[in-house]
Amino acid sequence: MSDLAAVKRQLKIKYGVVQRLSKETGLYRKEAEGLETKRAKLVLDGAEEWDIKNAGKMIEESGKMVLDTTSRLKKASDELEALITSAKKDFNLGQDEDLLKAEEILQSAKA
């Protein structure tokens, strides 16, 4: 396998990871917001203390997952960015389809 083929394969793998982690982070953030709303409703409705406390624990767990996926996304994005820079410099892949898709996914993940 040539170095060019290996680089293109790594691009596909790394942009897939960034894409998946970006989606995962968004889902965990949405879940945390939903749980916050649910806890606020429980407080307003005068629910049992155990229910409110349990909702707080669930929010805390979701917050931990947001932090975890955010840090993994940053690491994966940095690795992809380094690979893109290297591919452009070493293999002159300026208009390669995989490189352009990787750049597009990287930009959407950073947004």
C-alpha atoms as a PDB file:
ATOM      1  CA  MET A   1       0.000   0.000   0.000  1.00  0.00           C
ATOM      2  CA  SER A   2       1.428   3.348  -0.964  1.00  0.00           C
ATOM      3  CA  ASP A   3       1.834   6.210   1.456  1.00  0.00           C
ATOM      4  CA  LEU A   4      -0.784   8.200  -0.428  1.00  0.00           C
ATOM      5  CA  ALA A   5      -3.343   5.437  -0.027  1.00  0.00           C
ATOM      6  CA  ALA A   6      -2.518   5.173   3.692  1.00  0.00           C
ATOM      7  CA  VAL A   7      -2.959   8.916   4.148  1.00  0.00           C
ATOM      8  CA  LYS A   8      -6.293   8.882   2.347  1.00  0.00           C
ATOM      9  CA  ARG A   9      -7.418   5.948   4.503  1.00  0.00           C
ATOM     10  CA  GLN A  10      -6.378   7.801   7.668  1.00  0.00           C
ATOM     11  CA  LEU A  11      -8.287  10.867   6.491  1.00  0.00           C
ATOM     12  CA  LYS A  12     -11.459   8.801   6.120  1.00  0.00           C
ATOM     13  CA  ILE A  13     -11.011   7.194   9.537  1.00  0.00           C
ATOM     14  CA  LYS A  14     -10.233  10.444  11.333  1.00  0.00           C
ATOM     15  CA  TYR A  15     -13.007  12.479   9.739  1.00  0.00           C
ATOM     16  CA  GLY A  16     -15.411   9.672  10.601  1.00  0.00           C
ATOM     17  CA  VAL A  17     -14.330   9.882  14.232  1.00  0.00           C
ATOM     18  CA  VAL A  18     -14.728  13.667  14.283  1.00  0.00           C
ATOM     19  CA  GLN A  19     -18.135  13.410  12.654  1.00  0.00           C
ATOM     20  CA  ARG A  20     -19.331  10.777  15.158  1.00  0.00           C
ATOM     21  CA  LEU A  21     -17.994  12.636  18.210  1.00  0.00           C
ATOM     22  CA  SER A  22     -19.510  15.896  17.013  1.00  0.00           C
ATOM     23  CA  LYS A  23     -22.919  14.251  16.734  1.00  0.00           C
ATOM     24  CA  GLU A  24     -22.484  12.514  20.087  1.00  0.00           C
ATOM     25  CA  THR A  25     -21.554  15.760  21.844  1.00  0.00           C
ATOM     26  CA  GLY A  26     -24.616  17.481  20.428  1.00  0.00           C
ATOM     27  CA  LEU A  27     -26.873  14.663  21.589  1.00  0.00           C
ATOM     28  CA  TYR A  28     -25.477  14.729  25.130  1.00  0.00           C
ATOM     29  CA  ARG A  29     -25.906  18.497  25.301  1.00  0.00           C
ATOM     30  CA  LYS A  30     -29.501  18.189  24.139  1.00  0.00           C
ATOM     31  CA  GLU A  31     -30.098  15.454  26.716  1.00  0.00           C
ATOM     32  CA  ALA A  32     -28.643  17.612  29.512  1.00  0.00           C
ATOM     33  CA  GLU A  33     -30.916  20.510  28.539  1.00  0.00           C
ATOM     34  CA  GLY A  34     -33.926  18.205  28.524  1.00  0.00           C
ATOM     35  CA  LEU A  35     -33.039  16.886  31.959  1.00  0.00           C
ATOM     36  CA  GLU A  36     -32.665  20.425  33.301  1.00  0.00           C
ATOM     37  CA  THR A  37     -36.139  21.221  32.027  1.00  0.00           C
ATOM     38  CA  LYS A  38     -37.500  18.023  33.547  1.00  0.00           C
ATOM     39  CA  ARG A  39     -35.946  18.808  36.943  1.00  0.00           C
ATOM     40  CA  ALA A  40     -37.316  22.354  36.879  1.00  0.00           C
ATOM     41  CA  LYS A  41     -40.771  20.933  36.155  1.00  0.00           C
ATOM     42  CA  LEU A  42     -40.414  18.502  39.063  1.00  0.00           C
ATOM     43  CA  VAL A  43     -39.520  21.367  41.399  1.00  0.00           C
ATOM     44  CA  LEU A  44     -42.472  23.446  40.199  1.00  0.00           C
ATOM     45  CA  ASP A  45     -44.847  20.517  40.556  1.00  0.00           C
ATOM     46  CA  GLY A  46     -43.638  19.867  44.097  1.00  0.00           C
ATOM     47  CA  ALA A  47     -42.385  16.359  43.366  1.00  0.00           C
ATOM     48  CA  GLU A  48     -40.772  14.194  46.002  1.00  0.00           C
ATOM     49  CA  GLU A  49     -37.278  15.129  47.101  1.00  0.00           C
ATOM     50  CA  TRP A  50     -35.913  11.787  45.893  1.00  0.00           C
ATOM     51  CA  ASP A  51     -37.172  12.444  42.355  1.00  0.00           C
ATOM     52  CA  ILE A  52     -35.596  15.893  42.295  1.00  0.00           C
ATOM     53  CA  LYS A  53     -32.312  14.570  43.685  1.00  0.00           C
ATOM     54  CA  ASN A  54     -32.314  11.717  41.165  1.00  0.00           C
ATOM     55  CA  ALA A  55     -32.909  14.181  38.325  1.00  0.00           C
ATOM     56  CA  GLY A  56     -29.918  16.178  39.600  1.00  0.00           C
ATOM     57  CA  LYS A  57     -27.732  13.065  39.494  1.00  0.00           C
ATOM     58  CA  MET A  58     -28.845  12.377  35.932  1.00  0.00           C
ATOM     59  CA  ILE A  59     -27.967  15.956  34.949  1.00  0.00           C
ATOM     60  CA  GLU A  60     -24.558  15.540  36.556  1.00  0.00           C
ATOM     61  CA  GLU A  61     -23.913  12.333  34.608  1.00  0.00           C
ATOM     62  CA  SER A  62     -24.954  13.992  31.351  1.00  0.00           C
ATOM     63  CA  GLY A  63     -22.645  16.899  32.149  1.00  0.00           C
ATOM     64  CA  LYS A  64     -19.758  14.476  32.617  1.00  0.00           C
ATOM     65  CA  MET A  65     -20.517  12.881  29.263  1.00  0.00           C
ATOM     66  CA  VAL A  66     -20.608  16.292  27.585  1.00  0.00           C
ATOM     67  CA  LEU A  67     -17.179  17.096  29.024  1.00  0.00           C
ATOM     68  CA  ASP A  68     -15.807  13.698  28.007  1.00  0.00           C
ATOM     69  CA  THR A  69     -17.069  13.813  24.438  1.00  0.00           C
ATOM     70  CA  THR A  70     -16.024  17.459  24.076  1.00  0.00           C
ATOM     71  CA  SER A  71     -12.454  16.660  25.104  1.00  0.00           C
ATOM     72  CA  ARG A  72     -12.336  13.611  22.815  1.00  0.00           C
ATOM     73  CA  LEU A  73     -13.751  15.722  19.966  1.00  0.00           C
ATOM     74  CA  LYS A  74     -11.073  18.379  20.486  1.00  0.00           C
ATOM     75  CA  LYS A  75      -8.318  15.757  20.446  1.00  0.00           C
ATOM     76  CA  ALA A  76      -9.716  14.077  17.320  1.00  0.00           C
ATOM     77  CA  SER A  77     -10.170  17.470  15.609  1.00  0.00           C
ATOM     78  CA  ASP A  78      -6.583  18.431  16.370  1.00  0.00           C
ATOM     79  CA  GLU A  79      -5.336  15.116  14.959  1.00  0.00           C
ATOM     80  CA  LEU A  80      -7.443  15.536  11.819  1.00  0.00           C
ATOM     81  CA  GLU A  81      -6.239  19.102  11.358  1.00  0.00           C
ATOM     82  CA  ALA A  82      -2.613  17.959  11.627  1.00  0.00           C
ATOM     83  CA  LEU A  83      -3.245  15.172   9.113  1.00  0.00           C
ATOM     84  CA  ILE A  84      -4.905  17.597   6.683  1.00  0.00           C
ATOM     85  CA  THR A  85      -1.976  19.988   6.928  1.00  0.00           C
ATOM     86  CA  SER A  86       0.488  17.145   6.418  1.00  0.00           C
ATOM     87  CA  ALA A  87      -1.458  15.731   3.458  1.00  0.00           C
ATOM     88  CA  LYS A  88      -1.559  19.121   1.753  1.00  0.00           C
ATOM     89  CA  LYS A  89       2.139  19.690   2.299  1.00  0.00           C
ATOM     90  CA  ASP A  90       3.589  16.224   1.691  1.00  0.00           C
ATOM     91  CA  PHE A  91       1.214  14.797  -0.921  1.00  0.00           C
ATOM     92  CA  ASN A  92      -0.188  17.924  -2.568  1.00  0.00           C
ATOM     93  CA  LEU A  93      -3.783  16.778  -2.043  1.00  0.00           C
ATOM     94  CA  GLY A  94      -5.237  20.277  -2.315  1.00  0.00           C
ATOM     95  CA  GLN A  95      -8.374  19.308  -4.279  1.00  0.00           C
ATOM     96  CA  ASP A  96      -8.700  15.657  -3.272  1.00  0.00           C
ATOM     97  CA  GLU A  97     -12.288  14.601  -2.527  1.00  0.00           C
ATOM     98  CA  ASP A  98     -11.418  12.982   0.812  1.00  0.00           C
ATOM     99  CA  LEU A  99      -9.372  15.983   1.905  1.00  0.00           C
ATOM    100  CA  LEU A 100     -12.149  18.406   1.037  1.00  0.00           C
ATOM    101  CA  LYS A 101     -14.691  16.303   2.936  1.00  0.00           C
ATOM    102  CA  ALA A 102     -12.332  16.124   5.937  1.00  0.00           C
ATOM    103  CA  GLU A 103     -11.955  19.918   5.912  1.00  0.00           C
ATOM    104  CA  GLU A 104     -15.719  20.369   5.678  1.00  0.00           C
ATOM    105  CA  ILE A 105     -16.351  18.031   8.619  1.00  0.00           C
ATOM    106  CA  LEU A 106     -13.607  19.712  10.647  1.00  0.00           C
ATOM    107  CA  GLN A 107     -15.159  23.135  10.064  1.00  0.00           C
ATOM    108  CA  SER A 108     -18.629  21.931  11.044  1.00  0.00           C
ATOM    109  CA  ALA A 109     -17.244  20.299  14.202  1.00  0.00           C
ATOM    110  CA  LYS A 110     -15.556  23.535  15.236  1.00  0.00           C
ATOM    111  CA  ALA A 111     -18.729  25.556  14.679  1.00  0.00           C
END
